[in-house]
Amino acid sequence: MEKRYHERNLMDFFTTFTSEEICEQYLIKVRFPDGMPCLKCGKKDFYPRLKDRRAYQCKSCKFFNRPTAGTIFHRTHTPLLEWFVAIFLVAFDKRGLSALLLSEELVSSMRLHGQC
């Protein structure tokens, strides 16, 4: 399966990734293009997402699957939207970004788009 690069600018990014739920669904789609399998039984049928956690319960075996498990987002308390913005900003600037500048950009970007 060939994956094509899709260039995005900052406005494209913020019109695509508008909420935590959209970021989570995007992560699931990229990670599991054929649907997220249960890590215990392999089935792909889940109850709706738990409201207070990033977890989906398998309808067959009742195991809780977390789409961020095994990724850089595992066990983070930082919202996925902030992670996505940080990754975009680092990748967007070919010269790189200092941690201080990244922090400032994150705060101003999130404030600009009403996320903060």
C-alpha atoms as a PDB file:
ATOM      1  CA  MET A   1       0.000   0.000   0.000  1.00  0.00           C
ATOM      2  CA  GLU A   2       1.556   3.244  -1.134  1.00  0.00           C
ATOM      3  CA  LYS A   3       1.218   6.202   1.208  1.00  0.00           C
ATOM      4  CA  ARG A   4       1.460   9.565  -0.422  1.00  0.00           C
ATOM      5  CA  TYR A   5       2.838  12.601   1.298  1.00  0.00           C
ATOM      6  CA  HIS A   6       0.228  15.303   1.800  1.00  0.00           C
ATOM      7  CA  GLU A   7       1.682  18.745   2.378  1.00  0.00           C
ATOM      8  CA  ARG A   8      -0.172  20.834   4.979  1.00  0.00           C
ATOM      9  CA  ASN A   9       0.182  24.403   6.065  1.00  0.00           C
ATOM     10  CA  LEU A  10      -0.795  25.687   9.503  1.00  0.00           C
ATOM     11  CA  MET A  11      -4.330  26.607   8.430  1.00  0.00           C
ATOM     12  CA  ASP A  12      -4.882  23.169   6.842  1.00  0.00           C
ATOM     13  CA  PHE A  13      -3.650  21.586  10.039  1.00  0.00           C
ATOM     14  CA  PHE A  14      -6.045  23.511  12.293  1.00  0.00           C
ATOM     15  CA  THR A  15      -9.024  22.949  10.007  1.00  0.00           C
ATOM     16  CA  THR A  16      -8.293  19.201   9.940  1.00  0.00           C
ATOM     17  CA  PHE A  17      -7.456  18.654  13.615  1.00  0.00           C
ATOM     18  CA  THR A  18     -10.101  20.575  15.525  1.00  0.00           C
ATOM     19  CA  SER A  19     -10.582  18.400  18.593  1.00  0.00           C
ATOM     20  CA  GLU A  20      -9.135  15.685  20.778  1.00  0.00           C
ATOM     21  CA  GLU A  21     -11.605  13.155  19.345  1.00  0.00           C
ATOM     22  CA  ILE A  22     -10.564  13.887  15.748  1.00  0.00           C
ATOM     23  CA  CYS A  23      -6.886  13.467  16.670  1.00  0.00           C
ATOM     24  CA  GLU A  24      -7.651  10.150  18.366  1.00  0.00           C
ATOM     25  CA  GLN A  25      -9.660   8.879  15.379  1.00  0.00           C
ATOM     26  CA  TYR A  26      -6.846   9.958  13.034  1.00  0.00           C
ATOM     27  CA  LEU A  27      -4.296   8.089  15.160  1.00  0.00           C
ATOM     28  CA  ILE A  28      -6.463   4.954  15.092  1.00  0.00           C
ATOM     29  CA  LYS A  29      -6.933   5.227  11.318  1.00  0.00           C
ATOM     30  CA  VAL A  30      -3.201   5.660  10.666  1.00  0.00           C
ATOM     31  CA  ARG A  31      -2.156   2.953  13.107  1.00  0.00           C
ATOM     32  CA  PHE A  32      -4.828   0.433  12.188  1.00  0.00           C
ATOM     33  CA  PRO A  33      -5.944   1.049   8.574  1.00  0.00           C
ATOM     34  CA  ASP A  34      -8.055  -2.136   8.632  1.00  0.00           C
ATOM     35  CA  GLY A  35      -9.659  -1.323  11.999  1.00  0.00           C
ATOM     36  CA  MET A  36      -8.329  -1.497  15.546  1.00  0.00           C
ATOM     37  CA  PRO A  37      -8.086  -5.125  16.708  1.00  0.00           C
ATOM     38  CA  CYS A  38      -8.534  -6.194  20.296  1.00  0.00           C
ATOM     39  CA  LEU A  39      -5.108  -6.961  21.724  1.00  0.00           C
ATOM     40  CA  LYS A  40      -6.504  -9.954  23.582  1.00  0.00           C
ATOM     41  CA  CYS A  41      -8.923 -11.706  21.184  1.00  0.00           C
ATOM     42  CA  GLY A  42      -8.274  -9.963  17.844  1.00  0.00           C
ATOM     43  CA  LYS A  43     -11.922  -8.974  17.207  1.00  0.00           C
ATOM     44  CA  LYS A  44     -12.697  -5.458  15.943  1.00  0.00           C
ATOM     45  CA  ASP A  45     -15.984  -4.740  17.705  1.00  0.00           C
ATOM     46  CA  PHE A  46     -15.852  -2.220  20.545  1.00  0.00           C
ATOM     47  CA  TYR A  47     -18.222  -0.316  22.794  1.00  0.00           C
ATOM     48  CA  PRO A  48     -18.098   3.496  22.430  1.00  0.00           C
ATOM     49  CA  ARG A  49     -15.052   5.204  23.924  1.00  0.00           C
ATOM     50  CA  LEU A  50     -14.954   5.710  27.676  1.00  0.00           C
ATOM     51  CA  LYS A  51     -15.516   9.395  28.453  1.00  0.00           C
ATOM     52  CA  ASP A  52     -12.828   9.801  31.093  1.00  0.00           C
ATOM     53  CA  ARG A  53     -10.121   7.632  29.481  1.00  0.00           C
ATOM     54  CA  ARG A  54      -8.659   6.959  26.049  1.00  0.00           C
ATOM     55  CA  ALA A  55      -9.923   3.372  26.073  1.00  0.00           C
ATOM     56  CA  TYR A  56     -12.347   1.179  24.161  1.00  0.00           C
ATOM     57  CA  GLN A  57     -13.818  -2.017  25.622  1.00  0.00           C
ATOM     58  CA  CYS A  58     -13.994  -5.077  23.391  1.00  0.00           C
ATOM     59  CA  LYS A  59     -17.547  -6.419  23.069  1.00  0.00           C
ATOM     60  CA  SER A  60     -16.303 -10.032  22.915  1.00  0.00           C
ATOM     61  CA  CYS A  61     -13.771 -10.381  25.730  1.00  0.00           C
ATOM     62  CA  LYS A  62     -14.333  -7.078  27.643  1.00  0.00           C
ATOM     63  CA  PHE A  63     -10.606  -6.200  27.414  1.00  0.00           C
ATOM     64  CA  PHE A  64      -9.829  -2.467  27.393  1.00  0.00           C
ATOM     65  CA  ASN A  65      -7.848  -1.398  24.329  1.00  0.00           C
ATOM     66  CA  ARG A  66      -5.982   1.887  24.269  1.00  0.00           C
ATOM     67  CA  PRO A  67      -5.113   3.268  20.829  1.00  0.00           C
ATOM     68  CA  THR A  68      -2.099   5.121  22.231  1.00  0.00           C
ATOM     69  CA  ALA A  69      -0.533   2.009  23.821  1.00  0.00           C
ATOM     70  CA  GLY A  70       2.895   1.311  22.368  1.00  0.00           C
ATOM     71  CA  THR A  71       3.255   4.806  20.901  1.00  0.00           C
ATOM     72  CA  ILE A  72       4.970   7.981  22.062  1.00  0.00           C
ATOM     73  CA  PHE A  73       1.546   9.039  23.391  1.00  0.00           C
ATOM     74  CA  HIS A  74       1.302   6.074  25.795  1.00  0.00           C
ATOM     75  CA  ARG A  75       0.459   7.108  29.368  1.00  0.00           C
ATOM     76  CA  THR A  76       0.596  10.807  28.573  1.00  0.00           C
ATOM     77  CA  HIS A  77      -1.729  13.273  30.253  1.00  0.00           C
ATOM     78  CA  THR A  78      -1.069  15.835  27.528  1.00  0.00           C
ATOM     79  CA  PRO A  79      -3.988  16.095  25.089  1.00  0.00           C
ATOM     80  CA  LEU A  80      -3.378  14.528  21.671  1.00  0.00           C
ATOM     81  CA  LEU A  81      -4.184  17.841  20.020  1.00  0.00           C
ATOM     82  CA  GLU A  82      -1.218  19.450  21.783  1.00  0.00           C
ATOM     83  CA  TRP A  83       0.999  16.540  20.745  1.00  0.00           C
ATOM     84  CA  PHE A  84      -0.146  16.853  17.138  1.00  0.00           C
ATOM     85  CA  VAL A  85       0.531  20.614  17.137  1.00  0.00           C
ATOM     86  CA  ALA A  86       3.999  20.080  18.631  1.00  0.00           C
ATOM     87  CA  ILE A  87       4.881  17.411  16.058  1.00  0.00           C
ATOM     88  CA  PHE A  88       3.562  19.594  13.236  1.00  0.00           C
ATOM     89  CA  LEU A  89       5.600  22.608  14.393  1.00  0.00           C
ATOM     90  CA  VAL A  90       8.803  20.582  14.706  1.00  0.00           C
ATOM     91  CA  ALA A  91       8.309  19.000  11.281  1.00  0.00           C
ATOM     92  CA  PHE A  92       7.184  22.250   9.651  1.00  0.00           C
ATOM     93  CA  ASP A  93      10.373  24.202  10.401  1.00  0.00           C
ATOM     94  CA  LYS A  94      13.305  22.637   8.569  1.00  0.00           C
ATOM     95  CA  ARG A  95      15.801  24.431  10.851  1.00  0.00           C
ATOM     96  CA  GLY A  96      14.383  22.764  13.942  1.00  0.00           C
ATOM     97  CA  LEU A  97      12.795  24.271  17.021  1.00  0.00           C
ATOM     98  CA  SER A  98      14.187  24.853  20.488  1.00  0.00           C
ATOM     99  CA  ALA A  99      12.153  23.540  23.409  1.00  0.00           C
ATOM    100  CA  LEU A 100      11.509  27.095  24.593  1.00  0.00           C
ATOM    101  CA  LEU A 101      10.285  28.273  21.181  1.00  0.00           C
ATOM    102  CA  LEU A 102       8.143  25.143  20.821  1.00  0.00           C
ATOM    103  CA  SER A 103       6.555  25.844  24.206  1.00  0.00           C
ATOM    104  CA  GLU A 104       5.804  29.449  23.225  1.00  0.00           C
ATOM    105  CA  GLU A 105       4.405  28.399  19.834  1.00  0.00           C
ATOM    106  CA  LEU A 106       2.199  25.749  21.418  1.00  0.00           C
ATOM    107  CA  VAL A 107       0.702  28.195  23.887  1.00  0.00           C
ATOM    108  CA  SER A 108       0.076  30.850  21.222  1.00  0.00           C
ATOM    109  CA  SER A 109      -1.316  28.331  18.689  1.00  0.00           C
ATOM    110  CA  MET A 110      -3.671  26.764  21.200  1.00  0.00           C
ATOM    111  CA  ARG A 111      -4.786  30.188  22.420  1.00  0.00           C
ATOM    112  CA  LEU A 112      -5.321  31.408  18.833  1.00  0.00           C
ATOM    113  CA  HIS A 113      -7.608  28.490  18.062  1.00  0.00           C
ATOM    114  CA  GLY A 114      -9.519  28.541  21.339  1.00  0.00           C
ATOM    115  CA  GLN A 115      -8.042  25.338  22.720  1.00  0.00           C
ATOM    116  CA  CYS A 116      -6.421  26.936  25.747  1.00  0.00           C
END
